[in-house]
Structures are given as structure tokens and as C-alpha cells.
Amino acid sequence: MAVATFEHDAELMLRVREGDAQSFALLLAKHRGPVIHFLYRMIQNQAVAEELAQEVFLRVYRSRASYEPTAKFTTWLFRIASHVALNHIRDGKQERNQESLDQATDEGLGRQVASSAPTVEQRMLREVRLAEIRRTIELLPAKQRAAVLMHKYQEMGYAQIAVALECSESAVKSLLFRAYETLRAKLAHMAGRG
């Protein structure tokens, strides 16, 4: 049974609003992984990302009474996640943990790159390139980083990102343009390598 539809998430959240704990458990099970992944990419610390994800879902639960399905559920969810991440960064609580960053090479982006039986050298080169891309993304200003992560890794459109970041679509386009220009310039040396 496919549960990936917009209507299904909104319907579940409406049931949560009516007090259905099982529906909240279903939403949590479905969206916890993507929220943790997004937060990890923003904060670069797995333990903190998991802690912040708990805060995100606590806020979702606390907001259940006022929930209205005016936007896609995931847009609303990532708006909350963005607020939590940006507040954490702004409050200066960001702790960089190199060990958890190194683990991401195998856990995070590594799975998103298609490979047809790569050699050891190809795998090593891919890991080095992914780590460099990840480090470059981490250096972007927080709002640009959030926009890039939502656009590229959560596959959200401009309108969804605008709602999540509480800005206009043109501001999102500007954030993404500046972010991609920075990434293009800093990663230009990688363009010809294979």
C-alpha cells in the first residue's frame, strides 16, 4: 500500500489533530529519517540532529490543534525543521563532530550516487569528491545551505522552500543562485575529473 501521497499525510495529520496517536506514529515513522538527514546536513552532528528531530516532532504534535492542510504536509514539516536548525545555528549551539561527519561518507550521500560495480580506486575517488562537496555545502551561509539541501536532497520546489523558509519564491531563487554560484566556483577544479 503506497502511503507517499500528499493527501495521505494531511489526512493523517488531521487525525492527529483529532487525538489519534496511531496516525502520529505513522507520520513519525515515515518522516523521521528524512528530517534527521536534513538536520544532520544542516548541523553536521548526528546526535544533535536526532535531538533536534525530537524537537521538530514535538512541535508538530504541539501544533496539532491549529494544523490546517493549506500546504503540503512535508512543506509544513520542513518549515518547522528549518526553524529548529536555523535557531540552533543562530544560538551558537552548533558543535562540529568530525567523527559523525566521517560516518556520513558511508551513510548519507554515498547511497545516493549510482555505481555499476566501481573499482576500489573509483570508490575512493567518489568518497573524496563527496566529502569535498559536503564540506563546501557546509561552508554556505545557513539559509543558502537550507535551500540547497531542500532543493537537491529533499527534492522540494521553489514554492515549498519559500514556505519552509518563510520568504518569497524570488528570494529562494536568489538564495539558490548565490549558493550554486559559490559551489560552482569552489568546486570548479572537480569539473574535468572523472
Protein backbone atom coordinates (compact mmCIF):
# COMPACT_ATOMS: atom_id res chain seq x y z
CA MET A 1 0.00 0.00 0.00
CA ALA A 2 1.53 3.32 -1.05
CA VAL A 3 1.50 5.93 1.69
CA ALA A 4 3.57 8.59 -0.06
CA THR A 5 0.70 10.80 -1.18
CA PHE A 6 0.18 14.36 -0.05
CA GLU A 7 -3.44 13.64 0.79
CA HIS A 8 -2.49 10.72 3.00
CA ASP A 9 -0.04 12.79 5.11
CA ALA A 10 -2.54 15.62 5.50
CA GLU A 11 -5.27 13.11 6.35
CA LEU A 12 -3.05 11.52 9.00
CA MET A 13 -2.24 14.93 10.48
CA LEU A 14 -5.94 15.78 10.61
CA ARG A 15 -6.48 12.54 12.53
CA VAL A 16 -3.66 13.55 14.89
CA ARG A 17 -5.49 16.84 15.40
CA GLU A 18 -8.50 14.78 16.50
CA GLY A 19 -6.35 12.86 19.00
CA ASP A 20 -5.35 9.74 17.01
CA ALA A 21 -1.95 8.69 18.40
CA GLN A 22 -1.57 5.89 15.83
CA SER A 23 -1.65 8.41 12.98
CA PHE A 24 1.09 10.43 14.67
CA ALA A 25 3.17 7.26 15.00
CA LEU A 26 2.73 6.62 11.25
CA LEU A 27 3.81 10.18 10.37
CA LEU A 28 6.78 9.91 12.71
CA ALA A 29 7.86 6.58 11.21
CA LYS A 30 7.55 7.89 7.67
CA HIS A 31 9.23 11.29 8.08
CA ARG A 32 11.71 10.86 10.94
CA GLY A 33 14.54 9.63 8.67
CA PRO A 34 14.31 12.46 6.11
CA VAL A 35 14.03 15.07 8.90
CA ILE A 36 17.09 13.68 10.71
CA HIS A 37 19.01 13.58 7.41
CA PHE A 38 18.08 17.21 6.66
CA LEU A 39 19.03 18.33 10.18
CA TYR A 40 22.28 16.38 10.04
CA ARG A 41 23.19 18.11 6.77
CA MET A 42 22.46 21.47 8.43
CA ILE A 43 24.21 20.82 11.77
CA GLN A 44 26.86 18.19 10.84
CA ASN A 45 26.38 16.27 14.08
CA GLN A 46 24.32 13.07 14.17
CA ALA A 47 23.49 13.16 17.89
CA VAL A 48 22.40 16.80 17.73
CA ALA A 49 20.38 16.12 14.55
CA GLU A 50 18.49 13.31 16.29
CA GLU A 51 17.88 15.53 19.33
CA LEU A 52 16.64 18.37 17.12
CA ALA A 53 14.39 15.93 15.20
CA GLN A 54 12.70 15.12 18.51
CA GLU A 55 12.13 18.85 18.97
CA VAL A 56 10.68 19.10 15.45
CA PHE A 57 8.17 16.30 16.05
CA LEU A 58 7.35 17.67 19.49
CA ARG A 59 6.48 20.98 17.80
CA VAL A 60 4.41 19.14 15.19
CA TYR A 61 2.50 17.40 17.96
CA ARG A 62 2.04 20.60 19.95
CA SER A 63 0.75 22.35 16.80
CA ARG A 64 -1.78 19.62 16.02
CA ALA A 65 -4.77 21.64 17.25
CA SER A 66 -4.00 24.52 14.88
CA TYR A 67 -2.96 22.38 11.90
CA GLU A 68 -4.70 23.25 8.63
CA PRO A 69 -3.78 21.42 5.40
CA THR A 70 -3.17 24.65 3.43
CA ALA A 71 0.23 23.45 2.18
CA LYS A 72 1.78 20.07 1.55
CA PHE A 73 2.46 18.33 4.89
CA THR A 74 6.17 17.94 4.12
CA THR A 75 6.44 21.66 3.35
CA TRP A 76 4.96 22.44 6.77
CA LEU A 77 7.20 19.83 8.41
CA PHE A 78 10.39 21.15 6.79
CA ARG A 79 9.39 24.70 7.69
CA ILE A 80 9.45 23.60 11.34
CA ALA A 81 12.71 21.68 10.80
CA SER A 82 14.28 24.75 9.15
CA HIS A 83 13.28 26.95 12.08
CA VAL A 84 14.73 24.49 14.57
CA ALA A 85 18.01 24.16 12.62
CA LEU A 86 18.42 27.88 11.97
CA ASN A 87 17.64 28.70 15.62
CA HIS A 88 20.21 26.13 16.74
CA ILE A 89 22.84 27.64 14.45
CA ARG A 90 21.91 31.20 15.41
CA ASP A 91 22.07 30.37 19.12
CA GLY A 92 25.66 29.23 18.65
CA LYS A 93 24.96 25.72 19.90
CA GLN A 94 26.48 24.16 16.81
CA GLU A 95 29.07 21.55 17.70
CA ARG A 96 31.09 20.08 14.90
CA ASN A 97 31.88 16.43 15.34
CA GLN A 98 34.41 15.16 12.83
CA GLU A 99 33.67 11.54 13.68
CA SER A 100 30.00 11.83 12.74
CA LEU A 101 30.98 13.81 9.63
CA ASP A 102 33.25 10.96 8.53
CA GLN A 103 30.44 8.43 9.08
CA ALA A 104 28.25 10.39 6.67
CA THR A 105 30.54 9.43 3.80
CA ASP A 106 29.26 5.88 4.04
CA GLU A 107 25.75 6.58 5.32
CA GLY A 108 24.50 9.72 3.58
CA LEU A 109 25.48 10.80 0.11
CA GLY A 110 27.29 7.57 -0.68
CA ARG A 111 23.99 5.76 -1.15
CA GLN A 112 22.65 8.46 -3.47
CA VAL A 113 25.35 8.00 -6.11
CA ALA A 114 24.64 5.27 -8.60
CA SER A 115 27.52 2.93 -9.38
CA SER A 116 27.93 -0.10 -11.57
CA ALA A 117 30.48 -2.22 -9.72
CA PRO A 118 33.09 0.53 -9.19
CA THR A 119 36.71 -0.35 -8.56
CA VAL A 120 38.34 0.39 -5.22
CA GLU A 121 40.01 3.44 -6.77
CA GLN A 122 36.69 4.70 -8.15
CA ARG A 123 35.01 4.26 -4.76
CA MET A 124 37.83 6.10 -3.01
CA LEU A 125 37.72 8.94 -5.54
CA ARG A 126 33.93 9.18 -5.18
CA GLU A 127 34.21 9.32 -1.38
CA VAL A 128 36.85 12.06 -1.55
CA ARG A 129 34.75 14.07 -4.02
CA LEU A 130 31.57 13.66 -1.95
CA ALA A 131 33.40 14.71 1.21
CA GLU A 132 34.70 17.81 -0.57
CA ILE A 133 31.21 18.68 -1.89
CA ARG A 134 29.75 18.14 1.59
CA ARG A 135 32.40 20.38 3.21
CA THR A 136 31.76 23.09 0.62
CA ILE A 137 27.99 22.95 1.23
CA GLU A 138 28.64 23.16 4.98
CA LEU A 139 30.50 26.45 4.45
CA LEU A 140 27.50 28.12 2.82
CA PRO A 141 25.51 30.60 4.94
CA ALA A 142 22.78 28.77 6.89
CA LYS A 143 19.79 29.90 4.77
CA GLN A 144 21.60 29.11 1.49
CA ARG A 145 22.59 25.70 2.90
CA ALA A 146 18.98 25.00 3.95
CA ALA A 147 17.69 25.99 0.50
CA VAL A 148 20.25 23.75 -1.28
CA LEU A 149 19.51 20.78 0.98
CA MET A 150 15.76 21.11 0.48
CA HIS A 151 16.14 21.62 -3.28
CA LYS A 152 18.69 18.93 -4.07
CA TYR A 153 18.24 16.31 -1.38
CA GLN A 154 14.59 16.67 -0.38
CA GLU A 155 13.57 17.48 -3.99
CA MET A 156 11.37 20.37 -2.88
CA GLY A 157 10.27 23.01 -5.39
CA TYR A 158 10.79 26.76 -5.06
CA ALA A 159 7.28 27.33 -3.69
CA GLN A 160 7.72 24.66 -1.00
CA ILE A 161 11.14 26.02 0.00
CA ALA A 162 9.71 29.56 0.14
CA VAL A 163 7.02 28.40 2.57
CA ALA A 164 9.55 26.45 4.65
CA LEU A 165 11.98 29.37 4.88
CA GLU A 166 9.21 31.98 5.11
CA CYS A 167 10.40 34.05 2.18
CA SER A 168 9.31 34.74 -1.39
CA GLU A 169 9.97 32.40 -4.31
CA SER A 170 12.22 35.07 -5.81
CA ALA A 171 14.22 35.12 -2.56
CA VAL A 172 14.57 31.32 -2.79
CA LYS A 173 15.76 31.62 -6.41
CA SER A 174 18.26 34.25 -5.29
CA LEU A 175 19.47 32.09 -2.37
CA LEU A 176 19.89 29.09 -4.65
CA PHE A 177 21.56 31.14 -7.38
CA ARG A 178 24.13 32.55 -4.94
CA ALA A 179 24.66 29.14 -3.34
CA TYR A 180 25.14 27.33 -6.65
CA GLU A 181 27.46 30.07 -7.94
CA THR A 182 29.59 29.70 -4.79
CA LEU A 183 29.60 25.92 -5.12
CA ARG A 184 30.41 26.12 -8.83
CA ALA A 185 33.36 28.45 -8.16
CA LYS A 186 34.73 26.46 -5.22
CA LEU A 187 34.31 23.09 -6.95
CA ALA A 188 35.35 24.12 -10.47
CA HIS A 189 38.56 22.12 -10.15
CA MET A 190 36.45 18.95 -9.99
CA ALA A 191 34.62 19.54 -13.29
CA GLY A 192 37.05 17.70 -15.55
CA ARG A 193 37.81 14.77 -13.27
CA GLY A 194 36.05 11.50 -13.68
